Amino acid sequence: MLQITYISTATGPVDTAVILATSRRNNARDGVTGLLYANGKRFLQVLEGDPVDVERTLARITADPRHRAMVVLSCRDVSAREFGEWAMAERTTGEGGDAFVARVRALVAAAAPAVRATFDGFVQLPRAA
């Protein structure tokens, strides 16, 4: 099984509801799981599944004009899925910073230490600014 983690920058306003609906449909069809965190400016995503499906999904994402400057942070073989189902970590209205960080930590709890650290650092950036 292949797992790829990438980061990219949004080219304009991001409608996360549209991205979420489209991604859920595509990923369910392709057997791809993972986690997408979008903060309105950046995307941080991990994709996992059959190598052909993950690479096809990454190619489709790379061609998407809603973002640019994609950087693959890690590409590794995993023996089992670290994300049971695909999810998007999006801060909801009224959700405090601590609650959001705790929710993202729960979503990545089964992931490899490097993946957990990447997401943890990314979601805490706005709090440090």
N, C-alpha and C. Protein backbone atom coordinates (compact mmCIF):
# COMPACT_ATOMS: atom_id res chain seq x y z
N MET A 1 0.84 -1.16 0.00
CA MET A 1 0.00 0.00 0.00
C MET A 1 0.90 1.24 0.00
N LEU A 2 0.50 2.25 -0.76
CA LEU A 2 1.28 3.48 -0.88
C LEU A 2 0.63 4.59 -0.06
N GLN A 3 1.46 5.39 0.60
CA GLN A 3 0.98 6.56 1.33
C GLN A 3 1.81 7.76 0.90
N ILE A 4 1.13 8.81 0.47
CA ILE A 4 1.79 10.05 0.05
C ILE A 4 1.22 11.20 0.86
N THR A 5 2.11 12.06 1.37
CA THR A 5 1.70 13.27 2.07
C THR A 5 2.24 14.46 1.27
N TYR A 6 1.35 15.44 1.03
CA TYR A 6 1.78 16.63 0.29
C TYR A 6 1.20 17.87 0.93
N ILE A 7 1.78 19.01 0.55
CA ILE A 7 1.28 20.32 0.94
C ILE A 7 1.19 21.15 -0.33
N SER A 8 0.22 22.05 -0.39
CA SER A 8 0.10 22.96 -1.54
C SER A 8 -0.56 24.25 -1.07
N THR A 9 -0.56 25.25 -1.95
CA THR A 9 -1.10 26.57 -1.65
C THR A 9 -2.32 26.83 -2.51
N ALA A 10 -3.38 27.34 -1.90
CA ALA A 10 -4.61 27.67 -2.63
C ALA A 10 -4.35 28.86 -3.56
N THR A 11 -4.96 28.83 -4.74
CA THR A 11 -4.81 29.92 -5.69
C THR A 11 -5.86 31.01 -5.49
N GLY A 12 -6.85 30.74 -4.67
CA GLY A 12 -7.92 31.71 -4.41
C GLY A 12 -8.78 31.20 -3.27
N PRO A 13 -9.96 31.78 -3.10
CA PRO A 13 -10.86 31.31 -2.05
C PRO A 13 -11.18 29.82 -2.23
N VAL A 14 -11.26 29.11 -1.12
CA VAL A 14 -11.46 27.67 -1.14
C VAL A 14 -12.86 27.35 -0.61
N ASP A 15 -13.65 26.64 -1.40
CA ASP A 15 -14.96 26.15 -0.95
C ASP A 15 -14.75 24.72 -0.48
N THR A 16 -14.49 24.56 0.81
CA THR A 16 -14.15 23.24 1.33
C THR A 16 -15.32 22.27 1.22
N ALA A 17 -16.56 22.77 1.23
CA ALA A 17 -17.71 21.87 1.10
C ALA A 17 -17.70 21.19 -0.26
N VAL A 18 -17.38 21.92 -1.31
CA VAL A 18 -17.32 21.36 -2.67
C VAL A 18 -16.16 20.37 -2.77
N ILE A 19 -15.00 20.77 -2.25
CA ILE A 19 -13.83 19.88 -2.28
C ILE A 19 -14.12 18.60 -1.51
N LEU A 20 -14.74 18.72 -0.36
CA LEU A 20 -15.05 17.56 0.46
C LEU A 20 -15.99 16.60 -0.26
N ALA A 21 -17.08 17.13 -0.84
CA ALA A 21 -18.04 16.27 -1.54
C ALA A 21 -17.41 15.56 -2.73
N THR A 22 -16.64 16.29 -3.52
CA THR A 22 -15.98 15.71 -4.69
C THR A 22 -14.95 14.67 -4.27
N SER A 23 -14.16 15.01 -3.27
CA SER A 23 -13.11 14.10 -2.82
C SER A 23 -13.69 12.82 -2.22
N ARG A 24 -14.75 12.95 -1.45
CA ARG A 24 -15.38 11.75 -0.88
C ARG A 24 -15.87 10.82 -1.99
N ARG A 25 -16.49 11.39 -3.00
CA ARG A 25 -16.99 10.58 -4.12
C ARG A 25 -15.84 9.91 -4.86
N ASN A 26 -14.83 10.69 -5.23
CA ASN A 26 -13.69 10.15 -5.98
C ASN A 26 -12.91 9.12 -5.17
N ASN A 27 -12.65 9.42 -3.90
CA ASN A 27 -11.84 8.53 -3.08
C ASN A 27 -12.57 7.23 -2.77
N ALA A 28 -13.88 7.29 -2.56
CA ALA A 28 -14.66 6.07 -2.34
C ALA A 28 -14.62 5.19 -3.59
N ARG A 29 -14.76 5.80 -4.74
CA ARG A 29 -14.70 5.07 -6.01
C ARG A 29 -13.35 4.41 -6.20
N ASP A 30 -12.27 5.11 -5.81
CA ASP A 30 -10.91 4.63 -6.07
C ASP A 30 -10.29 3.85 -4.91
N GLY A 31 -10.99 3.73 -3.79
CA GLY A 31 -10.44 3.01 -2.65
C GLY A 31 -9.29 3.73 -1.97
N VAL A 32 -9.29 5.06 -2.03
CA VAL A 32 -8.24 5.88 -1.43
C VAL A 32 -8.75 6.45 -0.12
N THR A 33 -7.93 6.37 0.92
CA THR A 33 -8.27 6.96 2.21
C THR A 33 -7.19 7.96 2.59
N GLY A 34 -7.38 8.66 3.70
CA GLY A 34 -6.39 9.62 4.15
C GLY A 34 -7.02 10.74 4.92
N LEU A 35 -6.39 11.89 4.89
CA LEU A 35 -6.86 13.05 5.62
C LEU A 35 -6.46 14.30 4.84
N LEU A 36 -7.39 15.24 4.71
CA LEU A 36 -7.10 16.53 4.10
C LEU A 36 -7.37 17.61 5.12
N TYR A 37 -6.38 18.46 5.33
CA TYR A 37 -6.55 19.64 6.18
C TYR A 37 -6.43 20.85 5.26
N ALA A 38 -7.45 21.70 5.28
CA ALA A 38 -7.45 22.93 4.48
C ALA A 38 -7.72 24.09 5.43
N ASN A 39 -6.86 25.10 5.38
CA ASN A 39 -7.06 26.24 6.27
C ASN A 39 -7.41 27.52 5.51
N GLY A 40 -7.81 27.38 4.25
CA GLY A 40 -8.16 28.54 3.44
C GLY A 40 -6.99 29.05 2.61
N LYS A 41 -5.79 28.73 3.01
CA LYS A 41 -4.59 29.15 2.28
C LYS A 41 -3.74 27.96 1.85
N ARG A 42 -3.74 26.92 2.65
CA ARG A 42 -2.92 25.75 2.38
C ARG A 42 -3.74 24.48 2.48
N PHE A 43 -3.27 23.49 1.75
CA PHE A 43 -3.80 22.13 1.85
C PHE A 43 -2.67 21.25 2.35
N LEU A 44 -2.97 20.39 3.30
CA LEU A 44 -2.06 19.35 3.74
C LEU A 44 -2.85 18.07 3.67
N GLN A 45 -2.39 17.13 2.88
CA GLN A 45 -3.16 15.91 2.68
C GLN A 45 -2.26 14.69 2.67
N VAL A 46 -2.80 13.60 3.23
CA VAL A 46 -2.19 12.29 3.11
C VAL A 46 -3.18 11.41 2.36
N LEU A 47 -2.68 10.69 1.38
CA LEU A 47 -3.47 9.75 0.58
C LEU A 47 -2.87 8.37 0.77
N GLU A 48 -3.72 7.35 0.87
CA GLU A 48 -3.20 5.99 0.98
C GLU A 48 -4.12 5.02 0.26
N GLY A 49 -3.51 3.98 -0.26
CA GLY A 49 -4.27 2.96 -0.97
C GLY A 49 -3.36 2.22 -1.94
N ASP A 50 -3.99 1.54 -2.89
CA ASP A 50 -3.24 0.84 -3.93
C ASP A 50 -2.37 1.87 -4.66
N PRO A 51 -1.10 1.55 -4.93
CA PRO A 51 -0.21 2.53 -5.57
C PRO A 51 -0.77 3.14 -6.85
N VAL A 52 -1.39 2.36 -7.70
CA VAL A 52 -1.93 2.90 -8.96
C VAL A 52 -3.03 3.92 -8.66
N ASP A 53 -3.90 3.61 -7.70
CA ASP A 53 -5.00 4.51 -7.36
C ASP A 53 -4.50 5.79 -6.69
N VAL A 54 -3.52 5.67 -5.80
CA VAL A 54 -2.97 6.85 -5.13
C VAL A 54 -2.26 7.75 -6.14
N GLU A 55 -1.47 7.15 -7.03
CA GLU A 55 -0.76 7.95 -8.02
C GLU A 55 -1.73 8.63 -8.99
N ARG A 56 -2.80 7.95 -9.37
CA ARG A 56 -3.82 8.55 -10.23
C ARG A 56 -4.51 9.71 -9.51
N THR A 57 -4.81 9.51 -8.24
CA THR A 57 -5.44 10.57 -7.44
C THR A 57 -4.51 11.77 -7.31
N LEU A 58 -3.25 11.53 -7.03
CA LEU A 58 -2.29 12.62 -6.91
C LEU A 58 -2.14 13.37 -8.23
N ALA A 59 -2.14 12.66 -9.35
CA ALA A 59 -2.05 13.32 -10.65
C ALA A 59 -3.27 14.22 -10.89
N ARG A 60 -4.45 13.74 -10.50
CA ARG A 60 -5.67 14.55 -10.66
C ARG A 60 -5.60 15.79 -9.78
N ILE A 61 -5.11 15.63 -8.55
CA ILE A 61 -4.99 16.77 -7.64
C ILE A 61 -3.96 17.77 -8.15
N THR A 62 -2.84 17.26 -8.65
CA THR A 62 -1.78 18.13 -9.17
C THR A 62 -2.29 19.01 -10.30
N ALA A 63 -3.19 18.47 -11.12
CA ALA A 63 -3.73 19.23 -12.25
C ALA A 63 -4.85 20.19 -11.86
N ASP A 64 -5.32 20.14 -10.63
CA ASP A 64 -6.42 20.98 -10.17
C ASP A 64 -5.95 22.44 -10.06
N PRO A 65 -6.60 23.38 -10.75
CA PRO A 65 -6.15 24.77 -10.74
C PRO A 65 -6.45 25.52 -9.44
N ARG A 66 -7.12 24.88 -8.49
CA ARG A 66 -7.42 25.57 -7.23
C ARG A 66 -6.23 25.66 -6.29
N HIS A 67 -5.14 25.01 -6.68
CA HIS A 67 -3.94 25.12 -5.85
C HIS A 67 -2.69 25.06 -6.72
N ARG A 68 -1.57 25.44 -6.10
CA ARG A 68 -0.29 25.48 -6.80
C ARG A 68 0.81 25.11 -5.82
N ALA A 69 2.01 25.03 -6.32
CA ALA A 69 3.20 24.80 -5.50
C ALA A 69 3.08 23.55 -4.63
N MET A 70 2.65 22.45 -5.25
CA MET A 70 2.54 21.20 -4.50
C MET A 70 3.93 20.66 -4.20
N VAL A 71 4.13 20.26 -2.96
CA VAL A 71 5.38 19.65 -2.53
C VAL A 71 5.03 18.33 -1.84
N VAL A 72 5.59 17.24 -2.33
CA VAL A 72 5.40 15.94 -1.69
C VAL A 72 6.35 15.87 -0.49
N LEU A 73 5.77 15.72 0.69
CA LEU A 73 6.56 15.67 1.92
C LEU A 73 7.05 14.26 2.24
N SER A 74 6.24 13.27 1.89
CA SER A 74 6.67 11.89 2.09
C SER A 74 5.93 10.99 1.12
N CYS A 75 6.60 9.92 0.77
CA CYS A 75 6.05 8.88 -0.11
C CYS A 75 6.62 7.57 0.43
N ARG A 76 5.72 6.74 0.98
CA ARG A 76 6.23 5.53 1.61
C ARG A 76 5.25 4.38 1.47
N ASP A 77 5.78 3.18 1.55
CA ASP A 77 4.96 1.98 1.58
C ASP A 77 4.51 1.76 3.02
N VAL A 78 3.24 1.41 3.19
CA VAL A 78 2.70 1.07 4.51
C VAL A 78 2.06 -0.31 4.41
N SER A 79 2.14 -1.06 5.49
CA SER A 79 1.59 -2.42 5.47
C SER A 79 0.09 -2.42 5.66
N ALA A 80 -0.45 -1.38 6.29
CA ALA A 80 -1.90 -1.29 6.51
C ALA A 80 -2.29 0.19 6.50
N ARG A 81 -3.56 0.44 6.25
CA ARG A 81 -4.06 1.83 6.25
C ARG A 81 -3.90 2.44 7.64
N GLU A 82 -3.44 3.67 7.67
CA GLU A 82 -3.33 4.39 8.92
C GLU A 82 -4.54 5.29 9.15
N PHE A 83 -5.35 5.46 8.11
CA PHE A 83 -6.57 6.27 8.19
C PHE A 83 -7.72 5.39 7.75
N GLY A 84 -8.61 5.07 8.67
CA GLY A 84 -9.70 4.14 8.38
C GLY A 84 -10.67 4.63 7.34
N GLU A 85 -10.91 5.92 7.32
CA GLU A 85 -11.79 6.49 6.31
C GLU A 85 -11.31 7.89 5.99
N TRP A 86 -11.68 8.36 4.81
CA TRP A 86 -11.23 9.67 4.40
C TRP A 86 -11.96 10.73 5.20
N ALA A 87 -11.27 11.78 5.57
CA ALA A 87 -11.88 12.85 6.34
C ALA A 87 -11.23 14.18 5.98
N MET A 88 -11.92 15.27 6.27
CA MET A 88 -11.35 16.60 6.10
C MET A 88 -11.33 17.26 7.47
N ALA A 89 -10.19 17.75 7.86
CA ALA A 89 -10.09 18.49 9.12
C ALA A 89 -10.32 19.95 8.81
N GLU A 90 -11.47 20.42 9.19
CA GLU A 90 -11.83 21.81 8.93
C GLU A 90 -12.36 22.40 10.23
N ARG A 91 -11.86 23.55 10.58
CA ARG A 91 -12.33 24.19 11.82
C ARG A 91 -13.78 24.64 11.59
N THR A 92 -14.65 24.21 12.48
CA THR A 92 -16.06 24.57 12.38
C THR A 92 -16.34 25.84 13.17
N THR A 93 -17.43 26.52 12.82
CA THR A 93 -17.82 27.73 13.51
C THR A 93 -17.96 27.46 15.00
N GLY A 94 -17.33 28.27 15.81
CA GLY A 94 -17.43 28.13 17.25
C GLY A 94 -16.46 27.14 17.85
N GLU A 95 -15.70 26.43 17.02
CA GLU A 95 -14.75 25.45 17.55
C GLU A 95 -13.46 26.17 17.95
N GLY A 96 -13.12 26.10 19.23
CA GLY A 96 -11.93 26.76 19.72
C GLY A 96 -10.66 26.10 19.21
N GLY A 97 -9.55 26.82 19.29
CA GLY A 97 -8.28 26.31 18.81
C GLY A 97 -7.86 25.02 19.47
N ASP A 98 -8.01 24.93 20.80
CA ASP A 98 -7.61 23.72 21.50
C ASP A 98 -8.46 22.53 21.08
N ALA A 99 -9.77 22.75 20.92
CA ALA A 99 -10.67 21.67 20.51
C ALA A 99 -10.31 21.20 19.10
N PHE A 100 -9.97 22.13 18.22
CA PHE A 100 -9.62 21.77 16.85
C PHE A 100 -8.33 20.96 16.82
N VAL A 101 -7.32 21.40 17.54
CA VAL A 101 -6.05 20.68 17.59
C VAL A 101 -6.28 19.27 18.15
N ALA A 102 -7.10 19.16 19.17
CA ALA A 102 -7.39 17.85 19.75
C ALA A 102 -8.10 16.95 18.74
N ARG A 103 -9.02 17.51 17.95
CA ARG A 103 -9.73 16.71 16.94
C ARG A 103 -8.77 16.22 15.87
N VAL A 104 -7.87 17.08 15.39
CA VAL A 104 -6.90 16.67 14.37
C VAL A 104 -5.97 15.61 14.95
N ARG A 105 -5.55 15.78 16.18
CA ARG A 105 -4.69 14.77 16.81
C ARG A 105 -5.39 13.41 16.88
N ALA A 106 -6.69 13.42 17.14
CA ALA A 106 -7.44 12.16 17.17
C ALA A 106 -7.51 11.54 15.78
N LEU A 107 -7.65 12.37 14.74
CA LEU A 107 -7.72 11.85 13.37
C LEU A 107 -6.41 11.22 12.92
N VAL A 108 -5.28 11.69 13.43
CA VAL A 108 -3.99 11.17 13.01
C VAL A 108 -3.36 10.22 14.05
N ALA A 109 -4.13 9.83 15.04
CA ALA A 109 -3.59 9.03 16.14
C ALA A 109 -2.95 7.73 15.67
N ALA A 110 -3.49 7.10 14.65
CA ALA A 110 -2.96 5.81 14.18
C ALA A 110 -1.87 5.96 13.13
N ALA A 111 -1.56 7.18 12.75
CA ALA A 111 -0.56 7.43 11.70
C ALA A 111 0.86 7.30 12.25
N ALA A 112 1.80 7.18 11.34
CA ALA A 112 3.21 7.13 11.70
C ALA A 112 3.61 8.42 12.43
N PRO A 113 4.61 8.35 13.29
CA PRO A 113 5.02 9.54 14.05
C PRO A 113 5.33 10.76 13.18
N ALA A 114 5.97 10.58 12.05
CA ALA A 114 6.31 11.72 11.17
C ALA A 114 5.04 12.36 10.60
N VAL A 115 4.06 11.54 10.24
CA VAL A 115 2.79 12.08 9.71
C VAL A 115 2.06 12.84 10.82
N ARG A 116 2.00 12.25 12.01
CA ARG A 116 1.35 12.94 13.14
C ARG A 116 2.02 14.28 13.40
N ALA A 117 3.35 14.30 13.41
CA ALA A 117 4.08 15.53 13.70
C ALA A 117 3.83 16.58 12.63
N THR A 118 3.74 16.17 11.36
CA THR A 118 3.49 17.11 10.28
C THR A 118 2.13 17.79 10.46
N PHE A 119 1.09 16.99 10.70
CA PHE A 119 -0.24 17.57 10.89
C PHE A 119 -0.30 18.40 12.17
N ASP A 120 0.30 17.92 13.24
CA ASP A 120 0.27 18.66 14.49
C ASP A 120 0.91 20.03 14.34
N GLY A 121 2.08 20.08 13.73
CA GLY A 121 2.75 21.35 13.51
C GLY A 121 1.96 22.28 12.61
N PHE A 122 1.33 21.72 11.60
CA PHE A 122 0.58 22.51 10.62
C PHE A 122 -0.65 23.15 11.28
N VAL A 123 -1.40 22.39 12.06
CA VAL A 123 -2.62 22.95 12.66
C VAL A 123 -2.31 23.93 13.79
N GLN A 124 -1.10 23.86 14.35
CA GLN A 124 -0.75 24.79 15.43
C GLN A 124 -0.13 26.08 14.92
N LEU A 125 0.23 26.15 13.63
CA LEU A 125 0.84 27.37 13.09
C LEU A 125 -0.01 28.62 13.35
N PRO A 126 -1.32 28.60 13.08
CA PRO A 126 -2.11 29.82 13.33
C PRO A 126 -2.10 30.24 14.80
N ARG A 127 -1.97 29.30 15.70
CA ARG A 127 -1.96 29.61 17.12
C ARG A 127 -0.66 30.29 17.52
N ALA A 128 0.42 29.98 16.79
CA ALA A 128 1.73 30.54 17.13
C ALA A 128 1.91 31.93 16.54
N ALA A 129 1.10 32.27 15.53
CA ALA A 129 1.27 33.55 14.84
C ALA A 129 0.75 34.71 15.66
